[in-house]
N, C-alpha and C. Protein backbone atom coordinates (compact mmCIF):
# COMPACT_ATOMS: atom_id res chain seq x y z
N MET A 1 1.48 -3.78 17.77
CA MET A 1 1.59 -3.88 16.32
C MET A 1 2.02 -5.31 16.02
N ASP A 2 1.53 -5.83 14.96
CA ASP A 2 1.87 -7.17 14.47
C ASP A 2 3.40 -7.21 14.14
N SER A 3 4.15 -8.13 14.79
CA SER A 3 5.55 -8.23 14.54
C SER A 3 5.87 -8.57 13.12
N HIS A 4 5.01 -9.34 12.52
CA HIS A 4 5.22 -9.70 11.08
C HIS A 4 5.24 -8.45 10.21
N ILE A 5 4.28 -7.55 10.43
CA ILE A 5 4.23 -6.32 9.69
C ILE A 5 5.51 -5.52 9.83
N ARG A 6 5.95 -5.37 11.11
CA ARG A 6 7.14 -4.64 11.32
C ARG A 6 8.33 -5.26 10.64
N LYS A 7 8.44 -6.55 10.71
CA LYS A 7 9.62 -7.28 10.10
C LYS A 7 9.62 -7.10 8.55
N VAL A 8 8.47 -7.16 7.95
CA VAL A 8 8.43 -7.10 6.50
C VAL A 8 8.52 -5.71 5.95
N TYR A 9 7.97 -4.71 6.68
CA TYR A 9 7.79 -3.38 6.10
C TYR A 9 8.63 -2.28 6.73
N VAL A 10 9.52 -2.57 7.62
CA VAL A 10 10.41 -1.58 8.18
C VAL A 10 11.84 -1.99 7.79
N PRO A 11 12.58 -1.13 7.09
CA PRO A 11 12.20 0.16 6.63
C PRO A 11 11.25 0.05 5.40
N MET A 12 10.41 1.03 5.25
CA MET A 12 9.39 1.04 4.16
C MET A 12 10.02 1.74 2.93
N THR A 13 9.69 1.18 1.76
CA THR A 13 10.16 1.82 0.54
C THR A 13 9.40 3.11 0.31
N GLU A 14 9.98 4.01 -0.50
CA GLU A 14 9.30 5.27 -0.83
C GLU A 14 8.03 4.93 -1.59
N THR A 15 8.08 3.98 -2.49
CA THR A 15 6.92 3.66 -3.24
C THR A 15 5.81 3.11 -2.31
N GLY A 16 6.18 2.25 -1.45
CA GLY A 16 5.22 1.67 -0.48
C GLY A 16 4.58 2.79 0.38
N PHE A 17 5.37 3.71 0.79
CA PHE A 17 4.91 4.81 1.61
C PHE A 17 3.78 5.56 0.87
N TYR A 18 4.08 5.95 -0.35
CA TYR A 18 3.11 6.74 -1.13
C TYR A 18 1.85 5.93 -1.47
N ILE A 19 2.02 4.64 -1.75
CA ILE A 19 0.82 3.81 -1.99
C ILE A 19 0.00 3.83 -0.76
N LEU A 20 0.54 3.55 0.41
CA LEU A 20 -0.20 3.56 1.61
C LEU A 20 -0.84 4.90 1.95
N LEU A 21 -0.13 5.92 1.65
CA LEU A 21 -0.69 7.31 1.90
C LEU A 21 -1.95 7.48 1.03
N CYS A 22 -1.91 7.04 -0.17
CA CYS A 22 -3.09 7.14 -1.04
C CYS A 22 -4.21 6.20 -0.55
N LEU A 23 -3.93 5.15 0.13
CA LEU A 23 -4.95 4.22 0.58
C LEU A 23 -5.60 4.64 1.89
N ARG A 24 -5.21 5.81 2.38
CA ARG A 24 -5.90 6.30 3.56
C ARG A 24 -7.40 6.49 3.23
N GLU A 25 -7.71 6.70 2.02
CA GLU A 25 -9.06 6.83 1.51
C GLU A 25 -9.21 5.71 0.49
N GLU A 26 -10.49 5.35 0.23
CA GLU A 26 -10.66 4.28 -0.77
C GLU A 26 -10.14 4.75 -2.11
N ALA A 27 -9.38 3.88 -2.78
CA ALA A 27 -8.85 4.24 -4.06
C ALA A 27 -8.71 3.01 -4.89
N HIS A 28 -8.73 3.18 -6.23
CA HIS A 28 -8.46 2.10 -7.14
C HIS A 28 -7.12 2.27 -7.80
N ASP A 29 -6.66 1.28 -8.56
CA ASP A 29 -5.32 1.27 -9.05
C ASP A 29 -4.88 2.51 -9.81
N TYR A 30 -5.63 2.93 -10.80
CA TYR A 30 -5.25 4.07 -11.56
C TYR A 30 -5.20 5.36 -10.78
N SER A 31 -6.15 5.52 -9.86
CA SER A 31 -6.19 6.73 -9.01
C SER A 31 -5.01 6.77 -8.09
N ILE A 32 -4.49 5.59 -7.63
CA ILE A 32 -3.27 5.59 -6.79
C ILE A 32 -2.11 6.12 -7.63
N ILE A 33 -1.97 5.64 -8.84
CA ILE A 33 -0.87 6.11 -9.73
C ILE A 33 -0.95 7.58 -9.94
N GLN A 34 -2.16 8.12 -10.16
CA GLN A 34 -2.35 9.60 -10.38
C GLN A 34 -2.06 10.34 -9.12
N LYS A 35 -2.52 9.90 -7.93
CA LYS A 35 -2.32 10.58 -6.70
C LYS A 35 -0.85 10.66 -6.31
N VAL A 36 -0.10 9.58 -6.53
CA VAL A 36 1.32 9.58 -6.20
C VAL A 36 2.05 10.60 -7.07
N ALA A 37 1.72 10.64 -8.34
CA ALA A 37 2.33 11.60 -9.26
C ALA A 37 2.01 13.05 -8.82
N ALA A 38 0.76 13.27 -8.43
CA ALA A 38 0.33 14.58 -7.97
C ALA A 38 1.01 14.96 -6.68
N LEU A 39 1.10 14.07 -5.69
CA LEU A 39 1.74 14.30 -4.40
C LEU A 39 3.18 14.66 -4.54
N THR A 40 3.84 14.09 -5.54
CA THR A 40 5.31 14.25 -5.70
C THR A 40 5.64 15.21 -6.81
N ASP A 41 4.66 15.96 -7.30
CA ASP A 41 4.85 16.86 -8.45
C ASP A 41 5.49 16.19 -9.60
N GLY A 42 5.12 14.92 -9.84
CA GLY A 42 5.62 14.15 -10.96
C GLY A 42 6.98 13.54 -10.81
N GLU A 43 7.58 13.73 -9.65
CA GLU A 43 8.94 13.13 -9.43
C GLU A 43 8.90 11.64 -9.23
N ILE A 44 7.84 11.09 -8.76
CA ILE A 44 7.71 9.66 -8.59
C ILE A 44 6.50 9.17 -9.45
N LYS A 45 6.85 8.35 -10.40
CA LYS A 45 5.79 7.81 -11.28
C LYS A 45 5.81 6.30 -11.08
N ILE A 46 4.67 5.82 -10.53
CA ILE A 46 4.58 4.39 -10.24
C ILE A 46 3.99 3.71 -11.44
N SER A 47 4.66 2.71 -11.94
CA SER A 47 4.10 1.94 -13.10
C SER A 47 3.07 0.92 -12.55
N PRO A 48 2.14 0.45 -13.42
CA PRO A 48 1.20 -0.56 -12.99
C PRO A 48 1.92 -1.76 -12.37
N GLY A 49 3.02 -2.17 -12.94
CA GLY A 49 3.73 -3.36 -12.47
C GLY A 49 4.22 -3.19 -11.02
N THR A 50 4.80 -1.95 -10.78
CA THR A 50 5.25 -1.65 -9.45
C THR A 50 4.09 -1.61 -8.46
N LEU A 51 2.98 -0.95 -8.88
CA LEU A 51 1.89 -0.87 -7.99
C LEU A 51 1.32 -2.25 -7.63
N TYR A 52 1.11 -3.12 -8.63
CA TYR A 52 0.56 -4.41 -8.33
C TYR A 52 1.51 -5.26 -7.60
N GLY A 53 2.78 -5.16 -7.82
CA GLY A 53 3.77 -5.88 -7.04
C GLY A 53 3.74 -5.48 -5.57
N SER A 54 3.68 -4.15 -5.32
CA SER A 54 3.62 -3.66 -3.96
C SER A 54 2.33 -4.04 -3.25
N LEU A 55 1.20 -3.89 -3.94
CA LEU A 55 -0.08 -4.29 -3.34
C LEU A 55 -0.16 -5.75 -3.09
N SER A 56 0.41 -6.55 -4.00
CA SER A 56 0.39 -8.01 -3.82
C SER A 56 1.17 -8.38 -2.57
N LYS A 57 2.36 -7.76 -2.38
CA LYS A 57 3.18 -8.02 -1.21
C LYS A 57 2.48 -7.63 0.08
N MET A 58 1.83 -6.45 0.04
CA MET A 58 1.05 -5.96 1.19
C MET A 58 -0.11 -6.95 1.52
N ALA A 59 -0.79 -7.35 0.48
CA ALA A 59 -1.96 -8.22 0.69
C ALA A 59 -1.57 -9.56 1.21
N LYS A 60 -0.44 -10.10 0.77
CA LYS A 60 0.07 -11.41 1.30
C LYS A 60 0.35 -11.20 2.79
N GLY A 61 0.92 -10.07 3.16
CA GLY A 61 1.22 -9.86 4.56
C GLY A 61 -0.04 -9.73 5.40
N MET A 62 -1.15 -9.35 4.82
CA MET A 62 -2.37 -9.13 5.55
C MET A 62 -3.33 -10.25 5.37
N SER A 63 -3.02 -11.23 4.49
CA SER A 63 -3.98 -12.34 4.14
C SER A 63 -4.52 -13.10 5.38
N LYS A 64 -3.71 -13.23 6.41
CA LYS A 64 -4.18 -13.99 7.56
C LYS A 64 -5.30 -13.17 8.32
N HIS A 65 -5.39 -11.89 8.04
CA HIS A 65 -6.34 -11.04 8.77
C HIS A 65 -7.63 -10.77 7.99
N SER A 66 -7.58 -11.00 6.67
CA SER A 66 -8.71 -10.50 5.84
C SER A 66 -9.33 -11.62 4.97
N LYS A 67 -10.61 -11.55 4.82
CA LYS A 67 -11.35 -12.45 3.99
C LYS A 67 -11.73 -11.89 2.65
N SER A 68 -11.30 -10.65 2.39
CA SER A 68 -11.66 -9.96 1.18
C SER A 68 -11.11 -10.66 -0.10
N ARG A 69 -11.92 -10.59 -1.19
CA ARG A 69 -11.54 -11.22 -2.44
C ARG A 69 -10.44 -10.41 -3.16
N TYR A 70 -10.52 -9.15 -3.05
CA TYR A 70 -9.59 -8.25 -3.85
C TYR A 70 -8.45 -7.78 -3.01
N PHE A 71 -7.26 -7.97 -3.48
CA PHE A 71 -6.09 -7.64 -2.64
C PHE A 71 -5.97 -6.14 -2.40
N THR A 72 -6.40 -5.32 -3.28
CA THR A 72 -6.34 -3.86 -2.99
C THR A 72 -7.24 -3.53 -1.81
N LYS A 73 -8.39 -4.23 -1.78
CA LYS A 73 -9.30 -4.00 -0.70
C LYS A 73 -8.72 -4.50 0.65
N LYS A 74 -7.99 -5.59 0.56
CA LYS A 74 -7.33 -6.12 1.81
C LYS A 74 -6.40 -5.10 2.37
N VAL A 75 -5.59 -4.51 1.51
CA VAL A 75 -4.64 -3.49 2.01
C VAL A 75 -5.33 -2.25 2.50
N ALA A 76 -6.36 -1.85 1.81
CA ALA A 76 -7.09 -0.63 2.26
C ALA A 76 -7.83 -0.87 3.60
N GLU A 77 -8.35 -2.05 3.75
CA GLU A 77 -9.06 -2.34 5.01
C GLU A 77 -8.16 -2.34 6.22
N PHE A 78 -6.90 -2.68 6.02
CA PHE A 78 -6.04 -2.83 7.17
C PHE A 78 -4.87 -1.85 7.14
N HIS A 79 -5.06 -0.69 6.42
CA HIS A 79 -3.98 0.25 6.32
C HIS A 79 -3.58 0.80 7.70
N GLY A 80 -4.41 0.79 8.66
CA GLY A 80 -4.10 1.28 10.00
C GLY A 80 -2.87 0.61 10.57
N ASN A 81 -2.77 -0.73 10.37
CA ASN A 81 -1.58 -1.40 10.86
C ASN A 81 -0.31 -0.89 10.25
N PHE A 82 -0.37 -0.58 8.93
CA PHE A 82 0.79 -0.06 8.28
C PHE A 82 1.09 1.34 8.73
N PHE A 83 0.08 2.18 8.91
CA PHE A 83 0.32 3.54 9.31
C PHE A 83 0.88 3.65 10.70
N SER A 84 0.71 2.63 11.52
CA SER A 84 1.33 2.69 12.81
C SER A 84 2.82 2.55 12.74
N LEU A 85 3.35 2.18 11.59
CA LEU A 85 4.80 2.08 11.40
C LEU A 85 5.37 3.45 11.13
N LEU A 86 4.56 4.42 10.70
CA LEU A 86 5.14 5.71 10.26
C LEU A 86 5.51 6.59 11.37
């Protein structure tokens, strides 16, 4: 596992965990917000600002690995590295 990923994401926030869980399949921003609410029976509501902040942080961590234009796609393409932390 990339030591940078471990350093930045362990321990993982609850929000980060649910976002990555939703990214196991291709998802767009609004569907991630909806899926997190559904998975937690409405107990966790991720705002767009929180979602984009988390995705941006994840994408920056993965930027050396990906050539994708869209940061959500960067995170989705490399979610396997993150899931190895779980």
